[in-house]
Full PDB file with SEQRES, HELIX, SHEET, SSBOND, CRYST1, ORIGX, SCALE, CONECT and MASTER records, all heavy atoms in Angstrom:
SEQRES   1 A   37  TYR TYR PRO LEU MET GLN LEU CYS LEU THR CYS ASP ARG          
SEQRES   2 A   37  LEU GLY GLN ARG GLU GLN SER TYR MET TYR HIS LYS MET          
SEQRES   3 A   37  VAL ALA GLN LYS TYR PRO ASP ASP PRO SER VAL                  
HELIX    1 AA1 TYR A    2  LEU A   14  1                                  13    
HELIX    2 AA2 ARG A   17  LYS A   30  1                                  14    
CRYST1    1.000    1.000    1.000  90.00  90.00  90.00 P 1           1          
ORIGX1      1.000000  0.000000  0.000000        0.00000                         
ORIGX2      0.000000  1.000000  0.000000        0.00000                         
ORIGX3      0.000000  0.000000  1.000000        0.00000                         
SCALE1      1.000000  0.000000  0.000000        0.00000                         
SCALE2      0.000000  1.000000  0.000000        0.00000                         
SCALE3      0.000000  0.000000  1.000000        0.00000                         
ATOM      1  N   TYR A   1      45.904  78.888 -75.203  1.00  0.00           N  
ATOM      2  CA  TYR A   1      46.775  77.953 -74.634  1.00  0.00           C  
ATOM      3  C   TYR A   1      46.381  76.453 -74.876  1.00  0.00           C  
ATOM      4  O   TYR A   1      47.027  75.633 -75.468  1.00  0.00           O  
ATOM      5  CB  TYR A   1      46.938  78.046 -73.152  1.00  0.00           C  
ATOM      6  CG  TYR A   1      47.792  77.098 -72.490  1.00  0.00           C  
ATOM      7  CD1 TYR A   1      49.165  77.107 -72.486  1.00  0.00           C  
ATOM      8  CD2 TYR A   1      47.062  75.911 -71.819  1.00  0.00           C  
ATOM      9  CE1 TYR A   1      49.962  76.160 -71.817  1.00  0.00           C  
ATOM     10  CE2 TYR A   1      47.930  74.958 -71.197  1.00  0.00           C  
ATOM     11  CZ  TYR A   1      49.302  75.090 -71.140  1.00  0.00           C  
ATOM     12  OH  TYR A   1      50.054  74.091 -70.603  1.00  0.00           O  
ATOM     13  N   TYR A   2      45.076  76.147 -74.472  1.00  0.00           N  
ATOM     14  CA  TYR A   2      44.621  74.739 -74.536  1.00  0.00           C  
ATOM     15  C   TYR A   2      44.548  74.194 -75.983  1.00  0.00           C  
ATOM     16  O   TYR A   2      45.051  73.145 -76.287  1.00  0.00           O  
ATOM     17  CB  TYR A   2      43.374  74.614 -73.838  1.00  0.00           C  
ATOM     18  CG  TYR A   2      42.930  73.162 -73.715  1.00  0.00           C  
ATOM     19  CD1 TYR A   2      43.491  72.353 -72.662  1.00  0.00           C  
ATOM     20  CD2 TYR A   2      41.972  72.628 -74.567  1.00  0.00           C  
ATOM     21  CE1 TYR A   2      43.105  70.987 -72.526  1.00  0.00           C  
ATOM     22  CE2 TYR A   2      41.566  71.294 -74.469  1.00  0.00           C  
ATOM     23  CZ  TYR A   2      42.116  70.413 -73.406  1.00  0.00           C  
ATOM     24  OH  TYR A   2      41.799  69.187 -73.328  1.00  0.00           O  
ATOM     25  N   PRO A   3      43.861  74.981 -76.808  1.00  0.00           N  
ATOM     26  CA  PRO A   3      43.816  74.406 -78.301  1.00  0.00           C  
ATOM     27  C   PRO A   3      45.179  74.289 -78.929  1.00  0.00           C  
ATOM     28  O   PRO A   3      45.380  73.311 -79.730  1.00  0.00           O  
ATOM     29  CB  PRO A   3      42.763  75.415 -79.028  1.00  0.00           C  
ATOM     30  CG  PRO A   3      42.838  76.760 -78.239  1.00  0.00           C  
ATOM     31  CD  PRO A   3      43.095  76.184 -76.704  1.00  0.00           C  
ATOM     32  N   LEU A   4      45.962  75.183 -78.670  1.00  0.00           N  
ATOM     33  CA  LEU A   4      47.452  75.132 -79.240  1.00  0.00           C  
ATOM     34  C   LEU A   4      48.125  73.847 -78.692  1.00  0.00           C  
ATOM     35  O   LEU A   4      48.806  73.221 -79.513  1.00  0.00           O  
ATOM     36  CB  LEU A   4      48.209  76.377 -79.056  1.00  0.00           C  
ATOM     37  CG  LEU A   4      47.782  77.581 -79.782  1.00  0.00           C  
ATOM     38  CD1 LEU A   4      48.665  78.749 -79.273  1.00  0.00           C  
ATOM     39  CD2 LEU A   4      48.092  77.448 -81.295  1.00  0.00           C  
ATOM     40  N   MET A   5      48.071  73.694 -77.462  1.00  0.00           N  
ATOM     41  CA  MET A   5      48.709  72.427 -76.865  1.00  0.00           C  
ATOM     42  C   MET A   5      48.117  71.132 -77.395  1.00  0.00           C  
ATOM     43  O   MET A   5      48.782  70.199 -77.766  1.00  0.00           O  
ATOM     44  CB  MET A   5      48.615  72.343 -75.342  1.00  0.00           C  
ATOM     45  CG  MET A   5      49.294  73.574 -74.635  1.00  0.00           C  
ATOM     46  SD  MET A   5      51.150  73.448 -74.911  1.00  0.00           S  
ATOM     47  CE  MET A   5      51.394  72.116 -73.701  1.00  0.00           C  
ATOM     48  N   GLN A   6      46.753  71.196 -77.663  1.00  0.00           N  
ATOM     49  CA  GLN A   6      46.068  70.072 -78.195  1.00  0.00           C  
ATOM     50  C   GLN A   6      46.438  69.810 -79.694  1.00  0.00           C  
ATOM     51  O   GLN A   6      46.576  68.808 -80.158  1.00  0.00           O  
ATOM     52  CB  GLN A   6      44.574  70.074 -78.019  1.00  0.00           C  
ATOM     53  CG  GLN A   6      44.183  69.965 -76.493  1.00  0.00           C  
ATOM     54  CD  GLN A   6      44.550  68.720 -75.818  1.00  0.00           C  
ATOM     55  OE1 GLN A   6      45.611  68.553 -75.352  1.00  0.00           O  
ATOM     56  NE2 GLN A   6      43.695  67.701 -75.897  1.00  0.00           N  
ATOM     57  N   LEU A   7      46.549  70.836 -80.380  1.00  0.00           N  
ATOM     58  CA  LEU A   7      46.949  70.800 -81.815  1.00  0.00           C  
ATOM     59  C   LEU A   7      48.374  70.375 -81.931  1.00  0.00           C  
ATOM     60  O   LEU A   7      48.696  69.550 -82.740  1.00  0.00           O  
ATOM     61  CB  LEU A   7      46.810  72.231 -82.450  1.00  0.00           C  
ATOM     62  CG  LEU A   7      45.420  72.692 -82.843  1.00  0.00           C  
ATOM     63  CD1 LEU A   7      45.362  74.115 -83.225  1.00  0.00           C  
ATOM     64  CD2 LEU A   7      44.874  71.748 -84.054  1.00  0.00           C  
ATOM     65  N   CYS A   8      49.260  70.735 -81.011  1.00  0.00           N  
ATOM     66  CA  CYS A   8      50.525  70.186 -81.019  1.00  0.00           C  
ATOM     67  C   CYS A   8      50.581  68.668 -80.865  1.00  0.00           C  
ATOM     68  O   CYS A   8      51.277  67.902 -81.565  1.00  0.00           O  
ATOM     69  CB  CYS A   8      51.427  70.854 -79.873  1.00  0.00           C  
ATOM     70  SG  CYS A   8      53.115  70.221 -79.682  1.00  0.00           S  
ATOM     71  N   LEU A   9      49.763  68.201 -79.850  1.00  0.00           N  
ATOM     72  CA  LEU A   9      49.591  66.784 -79.638  1.00  0.00           C  
ATOM     73  C   LEU A   9      49.010  65.999 -80.813  1.00  0.00           C  
ATOM     74  O   LEU A   9      49.419  65.018 -81.281  1.00  0.00           O  
ATOM     75  CB  LEU A   9      48.684  66.455 -78.479  1.00  0.00           C  
ATOM     76  CG  LEU A   9      48.383  65.128 -78.113  1.00  0.00           C  
ATOM     77  CD1 LEU A   9      49.646  64.177 -77.867  1.00  0.00           C  
ATOM     78  CD2 LEU A   9      47.364  64.968 -76.927  1.00  0.00           C  
ATOM     79  N   THR A  10      47.849  66.535 -81.396  1.00  0.00           N  
ATOM     80  CA  THR A  10      47.068  65.954 -82.514  1.00  0.00           C  
ATOM     81  C   THR A  10      47.968  65.955 -83.685  1.00  0.00           C  
ATOM     82  O   THR A  10      47.958  64.864 -84.360  1.00  0.00           O  
ATOM     83  CB  THR A  10      45.807  66.714 -82.639  1.00  0.00           C  
ATOM     84  OG1 THR A  10      45.082  66.671 -81.452  1.00  0.00           O  
ATOM     85  CG2 THR A  10      45.041  65.942 -83.704  1.00  0.00           C  
ATOM     86  N   CYS A  11      48.686  66.957 -84.042  1.00  0.00           N  
ATOM     87  CA  CYS A  11      49.405  66.907 -85.335  1.00  0.00           C  
ATOM     88  C   CYS A  11      50.595  65.934 -85.176  1.00  0.00           C  
ATOM     89  O   CYS A  11      50.912  65.297 -86.166  1.00  0.00           O  
ATOM     90  CB  CYS A  11      49.913  68.303 -85.593  1.00  0.00           C  
ATOM     91  SG  CYS A  11      48.621  69.461 -86.174  1.00  0.00           S  
ATOM     92  N   ASP A  12      51.171  65.951 -83.927  1.00  0.00           N  
ATOM     93  CA  ASP A  12      52.199  64.972 -83.818  1.00  0.00           C  
ATOM     94  C   ASP A  12      51.712  63.491 -84.020  1.00  0.00           C  
ATOM     95  O   ASP A  12      52.474  62.701 -84.655  1.00  0.00           O  
ATOM     96  CB  ASP A  12      52.743  65.071 -82.364  1.00  0.00           C  
ATOM     97  CG  ASP A  12      54.002  64.156 -81.997  1.00  0.00           C  
ATOM     98  OD1 ASP A  12      55.035  64.476 -82.635  1.00  0.00           O  
ATOM     99  OD2 ASP A  12      53.755  63.156 -81.293  1.00  0.00           O  
ATOM    100  N   ARG A  13      50.662  63.132 -83.485  1.00  0.00           N  
ATOM    101  CA  ARG A  13      50.075  61.809 -83.663  1.00  0.00           C  
ATOM    102  C   ARG A  13      49.682  61.589 -85.167  1.00  0.00           C  
ATOM    103  O   ARG A  13      49.724  60.459 -85.683  1.00  0.00           O  
ATOM    104  CB  ARG A  13      48.753  61.647 -82.854  1.00  0.00           C  
ATOM    105  CG  ARG A  13      48.986  61.504 -81.272  1.00  0.00           C  
ATOM    106  CD  ARG A  13      47.741  61.183 -80.477  1.00  0.00           C  
ATOM    107  NE  ARG A  13      48.068  61.160 -79.028  1.00  0.00           N  
ATOM    108  CZ  ARG A  13      47.131  60.973 -78.206  1.00  0.00           C  
ATOM    109  NH1 ARG A  13      45.926  60.796 -78.480  1.00  0.00           N  
ATOM    110  NH2 ARG A  13      47.435  60.966 -76.877  1.00  0.00           N  
ATOM    111  N   LEU A  14      49.298  62.652 -85.884  1.00  0.00           N  
ATOM    112  CA  LEU A  14      49.091  62.589 -87.265  1.00  0.00           C  
ATOM    113  C   LEU A  14      50.267  62.391 -88.108  1.00  0.00           C  
ATOM    114  O   LEU A  14      50.209  62.211 -89.304  1.00  0.00           O  
ATOM    115  CB  LEU A  14      48.248  63.718 -87.751  1.00  0.00           C  
ATOM    116  CG  LEU A  14      46.739  63.723 -87.382  1.00  0.00           C  
ATOM    117  CD1 LEU A  14      46.117  65.141 -87.669  1.00  0.00           C  
ATOM    118  CD2 LEU A  14      45.983  62.622 -88.242  1.00  0.00           C  
ATOM    119  N   GLY A  15      51.460  62.527 -87.521  1.00  0.00           N  
ATOM    120  CA  GLY A  15      52.673  62.479 -88.223  1.00  0.00           C  
ATOM    121  C   GLY A  15      53.042  63.887 -88.879  1.00  0.00           C  
ATOM    122  O   GLY A  15      53.980  63.947 -89.725  1.00  0.00           O  
ATOM    123  N   GLN A  16      52.349  64.919 -88.543  1.00  0.00           N  
ATOM    124  CA  GLN A  16      52.515  66.208 -89.170  1.00  0.00           C  
ATOM    125  C   GLN A  16      53.430  67.016 -88.245  1.00  0.00           C  
ATOM    126  O   GLN A  16      53.152  67.988 -87.496  1.00  0.00           O  
ATOM    127  CB  GLN A  16      51.132  66.960 -89.273  1.00  0.00           C  
ATOM    128  CG  GLN A  16      50.201  66.238 -90.209  1.00  0.00           C  
ATOM    129  CD  GLN A  16      48.746  66.752 -90.140  1.00  0.00           C  
ATOM    130  OE1 GLN A  16      48.462  67.662 -89.245  1.00  0.00           O  
ATOM    131  NE2 GLN A  16      47.902  66.203 -91.004  1.00  0.00           N  
ATOM    132  N   ARG A  17      54.758  66.659 -88.352  1.00  0.00           N  
ATOM    133  CA  ARG A  17      55.723  67.143 -87.314  1.00  0.00           C  
ATOM    134  C   ARG A  17      55.939  68.773 -87.384  1.00  0.00           C  
ATOM    135  O   ARG A  17      56.010  69.318 -86.455  1.00  0.00           O  
ATOM    136  CB  ARG A  17      57.078  66.503 -87.526  1.00  0.00           C  
ATOM    137  CG  ARG A  17      57.031  64.959 -87.391  1.00  0.00           C  
ATOM    138  CD  ARG A  17      56.792  64.628 -86.063  1.00  0.00           C  
ATOM    139  NE  ARG A  17      56.808  63.050 -85.905  1.00  0.00           N  
ATOM    140  CZ  ARG A  17      56.577  62.417 -84.752  1.00  0.00           C  
ATOM    141  NH1 ARG A  17      56.428  63.086 -83.636  1.00  0.00           N  
ATOM    142  NH2 ARG A  17      56.518  61.143 -84.687  1.00  0.00           N  
ATOM    143  N   GLU A  18      55.973  69.215 -88.706  1.00  0.00           N  
ATOM    144  CA  GLU A  18      56.174  70.610 -88.858  1.00  0.00           C  
ATOM    145  C   GLU A  18      55.045  71.527 -88.265  1.00  0.00           C  
ATOM    146  O   GLU A  18      55.306  72.491 -87.604  1.00  0.00           O  
ATOM    147  CB  GLU A  18      56.404  71.008 -90.340  1.00  0.00           C  
ATOM    148  CG  GLU A  18      57.731  70.441 -90.901  1.00  0.00           C  
ATOM    149  CD  GLU A  18      57.961  70.930 -92.379  1.00  0.00           C  
ATOM    150  OE1 GLU A  18      57.095  71.619 -92.862  1.00  0.00           O  
ATOM    151  OE2 GLU A  18      58.877  70.503 -92.958  1.00  0.00           O  
ATOM    152  N   GLN A  19      53.828  71.006 -88.571  1.00  0.00           N  
ATOM    153  CA  GLN A  19      52.628  71.549 -88.028  1.00  0.00           C  
ATOM    154  C   GLN A  19      52.691  71.587 -86.491  1.00  0.00           C  
ATOM    155  O   GLN A  19      52.363  72.598 -85.747  1.00  0.00           O  
ATOM    156  CB  GLN A  19      51.307  71.106 -88.518  1.00  0.00           C  
ATOM    157  CG  GLN A  19      51.075  71.465 -90.022  1.00  0.00           C  
ATOM    158  CD  GLN A  19      49.629  71.252 -90.347  1.00  0.00           C  
ATOM    159  OE1 GLN A  19      48.684  71.484 -89.655  1.00  0.00           O  
ATOM    160  NE2 GLN A  19      49.555  70.609 -91.537  1.00  0.00           N  
ATOM    161  N   SER A  20      52.997  70.352 -85.922  1.00  0.00           N  
ATOM    162  CA  SER A  20      53.025  70.224 -84.528  1.00  0.00           C  
ATOM    163  C   SER A  20      54.059  71.227 -83.891  1.00  0.00           C  
ATOM    164  O   SER A  20      53.714  71.783 -82.750  1.00  0.00           O  
ATOM    165  CB  SER A  20      53.390  68.755 -84.194  1.00  0.00           C  
ATOM    166  OG  SER A  20      53.495  68.529 -82.899  1.00  0.00           O  
ATOM    167  N   TYR A  21      55.111  71.312 -84.408  1.00  0.00           N  
ATOM    168  CA  TYR A  21      56.200  72.222 -83.995  1.00  0.00           C  
ATOM    169  C   TYR A  21      55.796  73.609 -84.011  1.00  0.00           C  
ATOM    170  O   TYR A  21      56.017  74.547 -83.115  1.00  0.00           O  
ATOM    171  CB  TYR A  21      57.510  72.016 -84.595  1.00  0.00           C  
ATOM    172  CG  TYR A  21      58.695  72.737 -83.974  1.00  0.00           C  
ATOM    173  CD1 TYR A  21      59.122  72.483 -82.731  1.00  0.00           C  
ATOM    174  CD2 TYR A  21      59.308  73.735 -84.666  1.00  0.00           C  
ATOM    175  CE1 TYR A  21      60.190  73.140 -82.075  1.00  0.00           C  
ATOM    176  CE2 TYR A  21      60.271  74.526 -84.125  1.00  0.00           C  
ATOM    177  CZ  TYR A  21      60.748  74.146 -82.802  1.00  0.00           C  
ATOM    178  OH  TYR A  21      61.794  74.952 -82.314  1.00  0.00           O  
ATOM    179  N   MET A  22      55.015  73.925 -85.127  1.00  0.00           N  
ATOM    180  CA  MET A  22      54.570  75.340 -85.351  1.00  0.00           C  
ATOM    181  C   MET A  22      53.674  75.690 -84.110  1.00  0.00           C  
ATOM    182  O   MET A  22      53.684  76.925 -83.625  1.00  0.00           O  
ATOM    183  CB  MET A  22      53.875  75.502 -86.649  1.00  0.00           C  
ATOM    184  CG  MET A  22      53.271  76.836 -86.886  1.00  0.00           C  
ATOM    185  SD  MET A  22      52.060  76.869 -88.360  1.00  0.00           S  
ATOM    186  CE  MET A  22      50.720  75.886 -87.777  1.00  0.00           C  
ATOM    187  N   TYR A  23      52.689  74.814 -83.871  1.00  0.00           N  
ATOM    188  CA  TYR A  23      51.749  75.188 -82.793  1.00  0.00           C  
ATOM    189  C   TYR A  23      52.554  75.247 -81.401  1.00  0.00           C  
ATOM    190  O   TYR A  23      52.240  76.079 -80.541  1.00  0.00           O  
ATOM    191  CB  TYR A  23      50.660  74.203 -82.666  1.00  0.00           C  
ATOM    192  CG  TYR A  23      49.658  74.214 -83.908  1.00  0.00           C  
ATOM    193  CD1 TYR A  23      49.420  73.133 -84.751  1.00  0.00           C  
ATOM    194  CD2 TYR A  23      48.963  75.359 -84.093  1.00  0.00           C  
ATOM    195  CE1 TYR A  23      48.573  73.238 -85.775  1.00  0.00           C  
ATOM    196  CE2 TYR A  23      48.036  75.533 -85.181  1.00  0.00           C  
ATOM    197  CZ  TYR A  23      47.952  74.420 -86.062  1.00  0.00           C  
ATOM    198  OH  TYR A  23      47.083  74.506 -87.177  1.00  0.00           O  
ATOM    199  N   HIS A  24      53.480  74.375 -81.202  1.00  0.00           N  
ATOM    200  CA  HIS A  24      54.268  74.488 -79.942  1.00  0.00           C  
ATOM    201  C   HIS A  24      54.922  75.798 -79.887  1.00  0.00           C  
ATOM    202  O   HIS A  24      54.930  76.405 -78.777  1.00  0.00           O  
ATOM    203  CB  HIS A  24      55.339  73.320 -79.974  1.00  0.00           C  
ATOM    204  CG  HIS A  24      56.352  73.562 -79.002  1.00  0.00           C  
ATOM    205  ND1 HIS A  24      56.256  73.498 -77.758  1.00  0.00           N  
ATOM    206  CD2 HIS A  24      57.785  73.919 -79.262  1.00  0.00           C  
ATOM    207  CE1 HIS A  24      57.508  73.839 -77.060  1.00  0.00           C  
ATOM    208  NE2 HIS A  24      58.372  74.060 -78.035  1.00  0.00           N  
ATOM    209  N   LYS A  25      55.538  76.187 -80.991  1.00  0.00           N  
ATOM    210  CA  LYS A  25      56.231  77.597 -80.836  1.00  0.00           C  
ATOM    211  C   LYS A  25      55.327  78.699 -80.660  1.00  0.00           C  
ATOM    212  O   LYS A  25      55.669  79.759 -80.047  1.00  0.00           O  
ATOM    213  CB  LYS A  25      57.043  77.730 -82.259  1.00  0.00           C  
ATOM    214  CG  LYS A  25      58.177  76.888 -82.453  1.00  0.00           C  
ATOM    215  CD  LYS A  25      59.181  76.858 -81.261  1.00  0.00           C  
ATOM    216  CE  LYS A  25      59.907  78.109 -81.251  1.00  0.00           C  
ATOM    217  NZ  LYS A  25      61.018  78.082 -80.211  1.00  0.00           N  
ATOM    218  N   MET A  26      54.065  78.570 -81.188  1.00  0.00           N  
ATOM    219  CA  MET A  26      53.041  79.639 -80.911  1.00  0.00           C  
ATOM    220  C   MET A  26      52.778  79.846 -79.458  1.00  0.00           C  
ATOM    221  O   MET A  26      52.624  80.929 -78.818  1.00  0.00           O  
ATOM    222  CB  MET A  26      51.800  79.365 -81.716  1.00  0.00           C  
ATOM    223  CG  MET A  26      51.925  79.531 -83.212  1.00  0.00           C  
ATOM    224  SD  MET A  26      50.530  79.024 -84.142  1.00  0.00           S  
ATOM    225  CE  MET A  26      49.260  80.176 -83.554  1.00  0.00           C  
ATOM    226  N   VAL A  27      52.448  78.654 -78.750  1.00  0.00           N  
ATOM    227  CA  VAL A  27      52.267  78.872 -77.329  1.00  0.00           C  
ATOM    228  C   VAL A  27      53.391  79.152 -76.479  1.00  0.00           C  
ATOM    229  O   VAL A  27      53.401  79.808 -75.509  1.00  0.00           O  
ATOM    230  CB  VAL A  27      51.510  77.423 -76.874  1.00  0.00           C  
ATOM    231  CG1 VAL A  27      52.521  76.279 -76.807  1.00  0.00           C  
ATOM    232  CG2 VAL A  27      50.850  77.615 -75.581  1.00  0.00           C  
ATOM    233  N   ALA A  28      54.589  78.675 -77.012  1.00  0.00           N  
ATOM    234  CA  ALA A  28      55.838  78.847 -76.244  1.00  0.00           C  
ATOM    235  C   ALA A  28      56.218  80.385 -76.279  1.00  0.00           C  
ATOM    236  O   ALA A  28      56.947  80.881 -75.346  1.00  0.00           O  
ATOM    237  CB  ALA A  28      56.882  77.991 -76.846  1.00  0.00           C  
ATOM    238  N   GLN A  29      55.827  81.074 -77.269  1.00  0.00           N  
ATOM    239  CA  GLN A  29      56.116  82.567 -77.336  1.00  0.00           C  
ATOM    240  C   GLN A  29      55.492  83.281 -76.178  1.00  0.00           C  
ATOM    241  O   GLN A  29      55.996  84.250 -75.687  1.00  0.00           O  
ATOM    242  CB  GLN A  29      55.623  83.063 -78.666  1.00  0.00           C  
ATOM    243  CG  GLN A  29      56.566  82.771 -79.776  1.00  0.00           C  
ATOM    244  CD  GLN A  29      56.119  83.266 -81.082  1.00  0.00           C  
ATOM    245  OE1 GLN A  29      55.085  84.035 -81.215  1.00  0.00           O  
ATOM    246  NE2 GLN A  29      56.754  83.037 -82.171  1.00  0.00           N  
ATOM    247  N   LYS A  30      54.340  82.808 -75.806  1.00  0.00           N  
ATOM    248  CA  LYS A  30      53.632  83.483 -74.678  1.00  0.00           C  
ATOM    249  C   LYS A  30      53.924  82.775 -73.274  1.00  0.00           C  
ATOM    250  O   LYS A  30      53.889  83.545 -72.264  1.00  0.00           O  
ATOM    251  CB  LYS A  30      52.110  83.519 -74.918  1.00  0.00           C  
ATOM    252  CG  LYS A  30      51.337  84.358 -73.917  1.00  0.00           C  
ATOM    253  CD  LYS A  30      49.821  84.420 -74.418  1.00  0.00           C  
ATOM    254  CE  LYS A  30      49.066  85.425 -73.442  1.00  0.00           C  
ATOM    255  NZ  LYS A  30      47.646  85.543 -73.733  1.00  0.00           N  
ATOM    256  N   TYR A  31      54.111  81.573 -73.331  1.00  0.00           N  
ATOM    257  CA  TYR A  31      54.298  80.774 -71.972  1.00  0.00           C  
ATOM    258  C   TYR A  31      55.544  79.909 -72.048  1.00  0.00           C  
ATOM    259  O   TYR A  31      55.471  78.737 -71.980  1.00  0.00           O  
ATOM    260  CB  TYR A  31      53.055  79.845 -71.733  1.00  0.00           C  
ATOM    261  CG  TYR A  31      51.775  80.623 -71.823  1.00  0.00           C  
ATOM    262  CD1 TYR A  31      50.822  80.455 -72.776  1.00  0.00           C  
ATOM    263  CD2 TYR A  31      51.425  81.391 -70.629  1.00  0.00           C  
ATOM    264  CE1 TYR A  31      49.595  81.177 -72.754  1.00  0.00           C  
ATOM    265  CE2 TYR A  31      50.134  82.020 -70.572  1.00  0.00           C  
ATOM    266  CZ  TYR A  31      49.292  81.882 -71.645  1.00  0.00           C  
ATOM    267  OH  TYR A  31      48.071  82.531 -71.544  1.00  0.00           O  
ATOM    268  N   PRO A  32      56.677  80.601 -72.149  1.00  0.00           N  
ATOM    269  CA  PRO A  32      57.905  79.747 -72.378  1.00  0.00           C  
ATOM    270  C   PRO A  32      58.251  78.929 -71.128  1.00  0.00           C  
ATOM    271  O   PRO A  32      58.982  77.935 -71.205  1.00  0.00           O  
ATOM    272  CB  PRO A  32      58.967  80.892 -72.575  1.00  0.00           C  
ATOM    273  CG  PRO A  32      58.335  82.131 -72.062  1.00  0.00           C  
ATOM    274  CD  PRO A  32      56.931  82.097 -72.275  1.00  0.00           C  
ATOM    275  N   ASP A  33      57.731  79.344 -69.939  1.00  0.00           N  
ATOM    276  CA  ASP A  33      58.182  78.689 -68.634  1.00  0.00           C  
ATOM    277  C   ASP A  33      57.084  77.772 -68.122  1.00  0.00           C  
ATOM    278  O   ASP A  33      57.268  77.168 -67.154  1.00  0.00           O  
ATOM    279  CB  ASP A  33      58.393  79.705 -67.517  1.00  0.00           C  
ATOM    280  CG  ASP A  33      59.517  80.771 -67.916  1.00  0.00           C  
ATOM    281  OD1 ASP A  33      60.546  80.231 -68.499  1.00  0.00           O  
ATOM    282  OD2 ASP A  33      59.426  81.955 -67.577  1.00  0.00           O  
ATOM    283  N   ASP A  34      55.980  77.619 -68.940  1.00  0.00           N  
ATOM    284  CA  ASP A  34      54.981  76.605 -68.629  1.00  0.00           C  
ATOM    285  C   ASP A  34      55.555  75.256 -68.609  1.00  0.00           C  
ATOM    286  O   ASP A  34      56.220  74.806 -69.618  1.00  0.00           O  
ATOM    287  CB  ASP A  34      53.820  76.632 -69.558  1.00  0.00           C  
ATOM    288  CG  ASP A  34      52.752  75.718 -69.221  1.00  0.00           C  
ATOM    289  OD1 ASP A  34      51.965  76.002 -68.336  1.00  0.00           O  
ATOM    290  OD2 ASP A  34      52.744  74.674 -69.899  1.00  0.00           O  
ATOM    291  N   PRO A  35      55.387  74.464 -67.551  1.00  0.00           N  
ATOM    292  CA  PRO A  35      55.970  73.030 -67.509  1.00  0.00           C  
ATOM    293  C   PRO A  35      55.727  72.194 -68.713  1.00  0.00           C  
ATOM    294  O   PRO A  35      56.615  71.491 -69.259  1.00  0.00           O  
ATOM    295  CB  PRO A  35      55.454  72.428 -66.194  1.00  0.00           C  
ATOM    296  CG  PRO A  35      55.173  73.658 -65.287  1.00  0.00           C  
ATOM    297  CD  PRO A  35      54.683  74.731 -66.326  1.00  0.00           C  
ATOM    298  N   SER A  36      54.463  72.274 -69.166  1.00  0.00           N  
ATOM    299  CA  SER A  36      54.150  71.424 -70.449  1.00  0.00           C  
ATOM    300  C   SER A  36      54.879  71.930 -71.602  1.00  0.00           C  
ATOM    301  O   SER A  36      55.270  71.090 -72.443  1.00  0.00           O  
ATOM    302  CB  SER A  36      52.650  71.364 -70.584  1.00  0.00           C  
ATOM    303  OG  SER A  36      52.021  70.755 -69.378  1.00  0.00           O  
ATOM    304  N   VAL A  37      55.023  73.248 -71.799  1.00  0.00           N  
ATOM    305  CA  VAL A  37      55.723  73.735 -72.837  1.00  0.00           C  
ATOM    306  C   VAL A  37      57.214  73.285 -72.785  1.00  0.00           C  
ATOM    307  O   VAL A  37      57.747  73.056 -73.894  1.00  0.00           O  
ATOM    308  CB  VAL A  37      55.504  75.316 -72.890  1.00  0.00           C  
ATOM    309  CG1 VAL A  37      56.460  75.963 -74.007  1.00  0.00           C  
ATOM    310  CG2 VAL A  37      54.108  75.694 -73.134  1.00  0.00           C  
TER     311      VAL A  37                                                      
MASTER        0    0    0    2    0    0    0    6  310    1    0    3          
END                                                                             
């Protein structure tokens, strides 16, 4: 959970939108109802 959320944030800051969204979807598959997700 934590590294995927941080990768989503880090890639977004790097302007790597597709990678950021990819990491988001990976964590969302397991924790769709998590408030941060």
